N, C-alpha and C. Protein backbone atom coordinates (compact mmCIF):
# COMPACT_ATOMS: atom_id res chain seq x y z
N MET A 1 30.39 136.24 76.23
CA MET A 1 31.79 135.93 76.05
C MET A 1 32.53 136.24 77.36
N ALA A 2 33.09 135.23 77.98
CA ALA A 2 33.74 135.38 79.28
C ALA A 2 35.06 136.14 79.18
N SER A 3 35.87 135.81 78.19
CA SER A 3 37.15 136.50 78.02
C SER A 3 37.49 136.55 76.54
N PRO A 4 38.41 137.43 76.17
CA PRO A 4 38.78 137.52 74.76
C PRO A 4 39.34 136.18 74.24
N ALA A 5 39.10 135.92 72.97
CA ALA A 5 39.62 134.73 72.31
C ALA A 5 40.67 135.17 71.29
N VAL A 6 41.73 134.39 71.16
CA VAL A 6 42.84 134.76 70.29
C VAL A 6 43.30 133.55 69.49
N ALA A 7 43.62 133.78 68.20
CA ALA A 7 44.18 132.71 67.36
C ALA A 7 45.21 133.33 66.42
N LEU A 8 46.34 132.65 66.24
CA LEU A 8 47.35 133.05 65.26
C LEU A 8 46.81 132.66 63.88
N VAL A 9 46.57 133.64 63.02
CA VAL A 9 45.95 133.36 61.73
C VAL A 9 46.81 133.76 60.53
N LEU A 10 47.86 134.50 60.77
CA LEU A 10 48.69 134.98 59.66
C LEU A 10 50.13 135.03 60.10
N PHE A 11 51.03 134.59 59.22
CA PHE A 11 52.44 134.75 59.50
C PHE A 11 53.18 134.92 58.19
N SER A 12 54.04 135.94 58.13
CA SER A 12 54.82 136.13 56.91
C SER A 12 55.79 134.95 56.78
N ALA A 13 56.03 134.53 55.57
CA ALA A 13 56.87 133.36 55.34
C ALA A 13 58.09 133.71 54.51
N LEU A 14 59.19 133.14 54.87
CA LEU A 14 60.43 133.27 54.12
C LEU A 14 60.47 132.12 53.12
N ASP A 15 60.69 132.43 51.85
CA ASP A 15 60.78 131.40 50.82
C ASP A 15 62.17 130.78 50.90
N LEU A 16 62.29 129.76 51.75
CA LEU A 16 63.59 129.13 51.99
C LEU A 16 64.15 128.46 50.75
N ALA A 17 63.29 127.93 49.89
CA ALA A 17 63.76 127.26 48.68
C ALA A 17 64.50 128.23 47.75
N THR A 18 64.13 129.48 47.78
CA THR A 18 64.81 130.51 46.98
C THR A 18 65.93 131.16 47.78
N PHE A 19 65.62 131.51 49.02
CA PHE A 19 66.55 132.26 49.86
C PHE A 19 67.85 131.51 50.16
N LEU A 20 67.73 130.25 50.59
CA LEU A 20 68.92 129.54 51.07
C LEU A 20 69.98 129.28 49.99
N PRO A 21 69.62 128.83 48.79
CA PRO A 21 70.68 128.63 47.78
C PRO A 21 71.39 129.94 47.40
N ILE A 22 70.62 131.01 47.28
CA ILE A 22 71.22 132.29 46.92
C ILE A 22 72.10 132.81 48.06
N ALA A 23 71.59 132.71 49.29
CA ALA A 23 72.37 133.16 50.45
C ALA A 23 73.65 132.35 50.58
N ARG A 24 73.57 131.04 50.36
CA ARG A 24 74.77 130.19 50.44
C ARG A 24 75.80 130.64 49.41
N GLN A 25 75.35 130.94 48.21
CA GLN A 25 76.25 131.38 47.14
C GLN A 25 76.88 132.73 47.49
N LEU A 26 76.10 133.63 48.07
CA LEU A 26 76.60 134.96 48.41
C LEU A 26 77.50 134.97 49.64
N LEU A 27 77.17 134.13 50.62
CA LEU A 27 77.87 134.17 51.90
C LEU A 27 78.94 133.09 52.06
N GLY A 28 78.84 132.03 51.28
CA GLY A 28 79.77 130.92 51.42
C GLY A 28 79.37 129.93 52.51
N PHE A 29 78.22 130.13 53.10
CA PHE A 29 77.68 129.20 54.09
C PHE A 29 76.16 129.30 54.05
N SER A 30 75.51 128.28 54.60
CA SER A 30 74.05 128.29 54.64
C SER A 30 73.57 128.94 55.93
N PRO A 31 72.74 129.97 55.83
CA PRO A 31 72.17 130.56 57.04
C PRO A 31 71.29 129.58 57.82
N ALA A 32 70.97 128.44 57.23
CA ALA A 32 70.12 127.46 57.90
C ALA A 32 70.91 126.44 58.70
N SER A 33 72.23 126.44 58.60
CA SER A 33 73.01 125.37 59.24
C SER A 33 72.78 125.29 60.75
N ASN A 34 72.83 126.40 61.46
CA ASN A 34 72.58 126.36 62.90
C ASN A 34 71.12 126.05 63.21
N ALA A 35 70.20 126.63 62.44
CA ALA A 35 68.77 126.39 62.65
C ALA A 35 68.43 124.93 62.40
N ASP A 36 69.05 124.33 61.38
CA ASP A 36 68.78 122.93 61.07
C ASP A 36 69.28 121.99 62.17
N ALA A 37 70.32 122.40 62.89
CA ALA A 37 70.88 121.57 63.95
C ALA A 37 69.99 121.54 65.20
N LYS A 38 69.06 122.50 65.28
CA LYS A 38 68.16 122.57 66.42
C LYS A 38 66.79 122.05 66.00
N SER A 39 65.99 121.69 66.94
CA SER A 39 64.61 121.27 66.66
C SER A 39 63.71 122.49 66.77
N LEU A 40 63.72 123.32 65.74
CA LEU A 40 62.93 124.55 65.74
C LEU A 40 61.65 124.35 64.94
N LYS A 41 60.61 124.99 65.40
CA LYS A 41 59.37 125.01 64.62
C LYS A 41 59.57 125.93 63.42
N LYS A 42 58.65 125.86 62.48
CA LYS A 42 58.80 126.55 61.19
C LYS A 42 59.10 128.04 61.34
N ILE A 43 58.32 128.75 62.13
CA ILE A 43 58.50 130.20 62.25
C ILE A 43 59.83 130.53 62.92
N ALA A 44 60.16 129.82 63.99
CA ALA A 44 61.43 130.05 64.68
C ALA A 44 62.60 129.70 63.77
N HIS A 45 62.45 128.68 62.94
CA HIS A 45 63.50 128.30 61.99
C HIS A 45 63.74 129.42 60.98
N GLN A 46 62.66 129.98 60.45
CA GLN A 46 62.80 131.08 59.49
C GLN A 46 63.48 132.28 60.13
N LEU A 47 63.10 132.60 61.35
CA LEU A 47 63.71 133.72 62.07
C LEU A 47 65.20 133.46 62.29
N ALA A 48 65.54 132.23 62.68
CA ALA A 48 66.95 131.88 62.89
C ALA A 48 67.75 131.99 61.59
N CYS A 49 67.16 131.61 60.47
CA CYS A 49 67.84 131.74 59.17
C CYS A 49 68.12 133.20 58.84
N LEU A 50 67.13 134.06 59.05
CA LEU A 50 67.32 135.48 58.79
C LEU A 50 68.37 136.08 59.72
N GLU A 51 68.35 135.67 60.97
CA GLU A 51 69.33 136.20 61.93
C GLU A 51 70.74 135.73 61.60
N ALA A 52 70.89 134.50 61.12
CA ALA A 52 72.21 134.01 60.70
C ALA A 52 72.68 134.75 59.46
N PHE A 53 71.76 135.07 58.58
CA PHE A 53 72.08 135.81 57.36
C PHE A 53 72.64 137.19 57.69
N ALA A 54 71.97 137.91 58.58
CA ALA A 54 72.34 139.29 58.87
C ALA A 54 73.16 139.44 60.15
N LYS A 55 73.30 138.37 60.91
CA LYS A 55 74.03 138.36 62.17
C LYS A 55 73.49 139.36 63.19
N HIS A 56 72.18 139.55 63.18
CA HIS A 56 71.53 140.34 64.22
C HIS A 56 70.05 139.99 64.28
N ASN A 57 69.36 140.53 65.27
CA ASN A 57 67.95 140.22 65.51
C ASN A 57 67.11 140.60 64.29
N ALA A 58 66.26 139.68 63.85
CA ALA A 58 65.45 139.90 62.65
C ALA A 58 63.96 139.97 62.96
N ASP A 59 63.59 140.18 64.22
CA ASP A 59 62.17 140.14 64.56
C ASP A 59 61.39 141.35 64.05
N GLY A 60 62.08 142.33 63.47
CA GLY A 60 61.39 143.45 62.84
C GLY A 60 61.02 143.16 61.39
N VAL A 61 61.46 142.01 60.88
CA VAL A 61 61.23 141.65 59.47
C VAL A 61 60.00 140.76 59.30
N LEU A 62 59.80 139.82 60.22
CA LEU A 62 58.68 138.90 60.11
C LEU A 62 57.46 139.45 60.85
N SER A 63 56.28 139.18 60.30
CA SER A 63 55.03 139.68 60.88
C SER A 63 54.11 138.53 61.29
N ALA A 64 53.30 138.80 62.30
CA ALA A 64 52.30 137.85 62.76
C ALA A 64 50.96 138.56 62.86
N GLY A 65 49.90 137.84 62.52
CA GLY A 65 48.55 138.39 62.62
C GLY A 65 47.69 137.51 63.50
N PHE A 66 46.96 138.14 64.41
CA PHE A 66 46.11 137.42 65.35
C PHE A 66 44.65 137.84 65.15
N LEU A 67 43.77 136.85 65.17
CA LEU A 67 42.32 137.09 65.18
C LEU A 67 41.92 137.14 66.64
N ILE A 68 41.32 138.25 67.04
CA ILE A 68 40.93 138.45 68.43
C ILE A 68 39.46 138.81 68.49
N ALA A 69 38.72 138.12 69.33
CA ALA A 69 37.32 138.45 69.59
C ALA A 69 37.23 138.91 71.04
N ALA A 70 36.57 140.06 71.26
CA ALA A 70 36.49 140.60 72.61
C ALA A 70 35.30 141.54 72.73
N HIS A 71 34.87 141.76 73.99
CA HIS A 71 33.84 142.77 74.25
C HIS A 71 34.36 144.11 73.77
N ASP A 72 33.44 144.97 73.35
CA ASP A 72 33.84 146.26 72.79
C ASP A 72 34.72 147.08 73.72
N GLN A 73 34.43 147.07 75.01
CA GLN A 73 35.25 147.82 75.96
C GLN A 73 36.69 147.27 75.98
N ASP A 74 36.82 145.96 76.02
CA ASP A 74 38.15 145.34 75.98
C ASP A 74 38.83 145.61 74.64
N MET A 75 38.04 145.61 73.57
CA MET A 75 38.60 145.81 72.24
C MET A 75 39.25 147.18 72.13
N ARG A 76 38.63 148.19 72.72
CA ARG A 76 39.25 149.53 72.68
C ARG A 76 40.63 149.50 73.33
N GLU A 77 40.75 148.82 74.45
CA GLU A 77 42.05 148.71 75.13
C GLU A 77 43.05 147.92 74.29
N ILE A 78 42.57 146.86 73.65
CA ILE A 78 43.44 146.04 72.81
C ILE A 78 43.98 146.88 71.65
N LEU A 79 43.09 147.59 70.97
CA LEU A 79 43.52 148.40 69.84
C LEU A 79 44.45 149.53 70.27
N GLN A 80 44.20 150.09 71.43
CA GLN A 80 45.09 151.14 71.94
C GLN A 80 46.48 150.55 72.22
N ALA A 81 46.52 149.38 72.81
CA ALA A 81 47.80 148.73 73.10
C ALA A 81 48.56 148.39 71.82
N CYS A 82 47.81 148.12 70.75
CA CYS A 82 48.42 147.72 69.47
C CYS A 82 48.54 148.89 68.50
N SER A 83 48.54 150.11 69.02
CA SER A 83 48.64 151.26 68.13
C SER A 83 49.92 151.16 67.31
N GLY A 84 49.83 151.52 66.06
CA GLY A 84 50.96 151.39 65.15
C GLY A 84 50.92 150.12 64.33
N MET A 85 50.06 149.18 64.73
CA MET A 85 49.89 147.95 63.95
C MET A 85 48.67 148.11 63.04
N GLU A 86 48.67 147.38 61.97
CA GLU A 86 47.54 147.39 61.04
C GLU A 86 46.46 146.44 61.56
N TYR A 87 45.19 146.81 61.32
CA TYR A 87 44.11 145.93 61.76
C TYR A 87 42.87 146.08 60.89
N LEU A 88 42.07 145.03 60.92
CA LEU A 88 40.75 144.99 60.29
C LEU A 88 39.77 144.57 61.38
N ILE A 89 38.70 145.35 61.55
CA ILE A 89 37.76 145.07 62.64
C ILE A 89 36.35 144.93 62.08
N THR A 90 35.55 144.09 62.73
CA THR A 90 34.17 143.89 62.31
C THR A 90 33.31 143.56 63.52
N GLU A 91 32.01 143.74 63.36
CA GLU A 91 31.06 143.34 64.39
C GLU A 91 30.84 141.84 64.28
N THR A 92 30.37 141.24 65.36
CA THR A 92 30.06 139.81 65.35
C THR A 92 28.56 139.62 65.61
N LEU A 93 28.14 138.38 65.59
CA LEU A 93 26.74 138.07 65.88
C LEU A 93 26.38 138.31 67.33
N GLU A 94 27.39 138.29 68.21
CA GLU A 94 27.16 138.50 69.64
C GLU A 94 27.13 140.00 69.93
N THR A 95 26.16 140.45 70.68
CA THR A 95 26.01 141.85 71.03
C THR A 95 27.23 142.35 71.80
N ASN A 96 27.71 143.53 71.42
CA ASN A 96 28.84 144.19 72.08
C ASN A 96 30.15 143.42 72.00
N VAL A 97 30.28 142.56 71.01
CA VAL A 97 31.52 141.81 70.79
C VAL A 97 32.01 142.10 69.38
N SER A 98 33.27 142.45 69.28
CA SER A 98 33.90 142.71 67.98
C SER A 98 34.98 141.68 67.72
N ALA A 99 35.32 141.54 66.45
CA ALA A 99 36.43 140.67 66.05
C ALA A 99 37.40 141.52 65.24
N VAL A 100 38.68 141.27 65.44
CA VAL A 100 39.70 142.05 64.76
C VAL A 100 40.85 141.13 64.36
N VAL A 101 41.44 141.41 63.22
CA VAL A 101 42.71 140.81 62.85
C VAL A 101 43.74 141.93 62.96
N ILE A 102 44.72 141.71 63.82
CA ILE A 102 45.78 142.70 64.04
C ILE A 102 47.09 142.10 63.55
N VAL A 103 47.81 142.87 62.72
CA VAL A 103 49.08 142.40 62.16
C VAL A 103 50.20 143.35 62.58
N GLY A 104 51.25 142.76 63.13
CA GLY A 104 52.42 143.53 63.51
C GLY A 104 53.67 142.70 63.37
N THR A 105 54.81 143.34 63.45
CA THR A 105 56.07 142.60 63.40
C THR A 105 56.25 141.84 64.72
N LEU A 106 57.10 140.85 64.70
CA LEU A 106 57.40 140.13 65.95
C LEU A 106 57.95 141.09 66.99
N LYS A 107 58.72 142.05 66.54
CA LYS A 107 59.27 143.05 67.45
C LYS A 107 58.16 143.84 68.14
N GLN A 108 57.15 144.26 67.38
CA GLN A 108 56.02 144.99 67.96
C GLN A 108 55.25 144.11 68.95
N TRP A 109 54.97 142.87 68.57
CA TRP A 109 54.23 141.97 69.46
C TRP A 109 55.00 141.71 70.74
N ARG A 110 56.29 141.46 70.63
CA ARG A 110 57.10 141.19 71.82
C ARG A 110 57.11 142.39 72.76
N ALA A 111 57.16 143.58 72.20
CA ALA A 111 57.19 144.80 73.02
C ALA A 111 55.90 144.96 73.82
N ILE A 112 54.76 144.77 73.16
CA ILE A 112 53.51 144.99 73.90
C ILE A 112 53.19 143.83 74.83
N VAL A 113 53.59 142.62 74.48
CA VAL A 113 53.34 141.47 75.34
C VAL A 113 54.06 141.64 76.67
N SER A 114 55.26 142.20 76.64
CA SER A 114 56.03 142.32 77.88
C SER A 114 55.71 143.60 78.66
N GLU A 115 55.10 144.60 78.04
CA GLU A 115 54.90 145.89 78.70
C GLU A 115 53.47 146.20 79.11
N VAL A 116 52.50 145.79 78.37
CA VAL A 116 51.13 146.22 78.60
C VAL A 116 50.41 145.26 79.55
N ARG A 117 49.80 145.78 80.57
CA ARG A 117 49.10 144.96 81.55
C ARG A 117 47.57 145.07 81.41
N SER A 118 47.06 146.13 80.82
CA SER A 118 45.62 146.35 80.77
C SER A 118 44.89 145.33 79.90
N VAL A 119 45.56 144.73 78.97
CA VAL A 119 44.95 143.70 78.13
C VAL A 119 45.70 142.38 78.34
N LYS A 120 45.94 142.09 79.58
CA LYS A 120 46.76 140.96 79.99
C LYS A 120 46.27 139.63 79.43
N ILE A 121 44.98 139.39 79.41
CA ILE A 121 44.45 138.10 78.94
C ILE A 121 44.79 137.88 77.47
N VAL A 122 44.52 138.89 76.64
CA VAL A 122 44.80 138.76 75.21
C VAL A 122 46.29 138.60 74.96
N LEU A 123 47.06 139.45 75.57
CA LEU A 123 48.50 139.43 75.31
C LEU A 123 49.15 138.17 75.86
N ALA A 124 48.63 137.63 76.95
CA ALA A 124 49.13 136.36 77.46
C ALA A 124 48.86 135.25 76.44
N GLN A 125 47.70 135.31 75.79
CA GLN A 125 47.38 134.32 74.77
C GLN A 125 48.27 134.51 73.53
N VAL A 126 48.52 135.77 73.15
CA VAL A 126 49.42 136.04 72.02
C VAL A 126 50.81 135.49 72.34
N ARG A 127 51.29 135.77 73.56
CA ARG A 127 52.61 135.28 73.96
C ARG A 127 52.65 133.75 73.90
N LYS A 128 51.60 133.11 74.41
CA LYS A 128 51.53 131.65 74.41
C LYS A 128 51.60 131.09 72.99
N LEU A 129 50.88 131.73 72.06
CA LEU A 129 50.89 131.29 70.67
C LEU A 129 52.26 131.49 70.02
N LEU A 130 52.92 132.61 70.34
CA LEU A 130 54.27 132.84 69.80
C LEU A 130 55.24 131.81 70.36
N LEU A 131 55.14 131.52 71.65
CA LEU A 131 56.01 130.52 72.26
C LEU A 131 55.75 129.14 71.67
N ALA A 132 54.49 128.85 71.36
CA ALA A 132 54.14 127.55 70.75
C ALA A 132 54.80 127.40 69.39
N GLU A 133 55.10 128.53 68.74
CA GLU A 133 55.78 128.49 67.45
C GLU A 133 57.29 128.49 67.61
N GLY A 134 57.76 128.41 68.86
CA GLY A 134 59.20 128.36 69.10
C GLY A 134 59.87 129.72 69.15
N LEU A 135 59.08 130.77 69.29
CA LEU A 135 59.61 132.13 69.33
C LEU A 135 59.67 132.59 70.78
N HIS A 136 60.84 132.59 71.34
CA HIS A 136 61.01 132.92 72.76
C HIS A 136 61.17 134.41 72.95
N ASP A 137 60.95 134.86 74.20
CA ASP A 137 61.09 136.27 74.55
C ASP A 137 62.49 136.75 74.28
């Protein structure tokens, strides 16, 4: 394995069909109105709805989970960088390579993506996947 592999495999979802009608009734406006006016991807749209609802950053509410495969030495660094996040780890068919699913809030992921350099390859891929979902720094 030349470098760690990363895939977005889990994301918490906001039940918009339930949330939006109730929020509209409670607030007198739809928290989705601004989000709907933009071309946002699903995850970014949900985040924008929550932020409109509460009028502040909601990245501590939604969670993302990444499947990461890496050499054991790299994996130790990855897990250390992600301390405080929940994870499930297993061995793979390849010698000295582990696979892990790490789940954290968007706030946690954004913090480590911008600060940690020792696991730059993995975190660059995590950042790329978050950006692909329309979630900017």
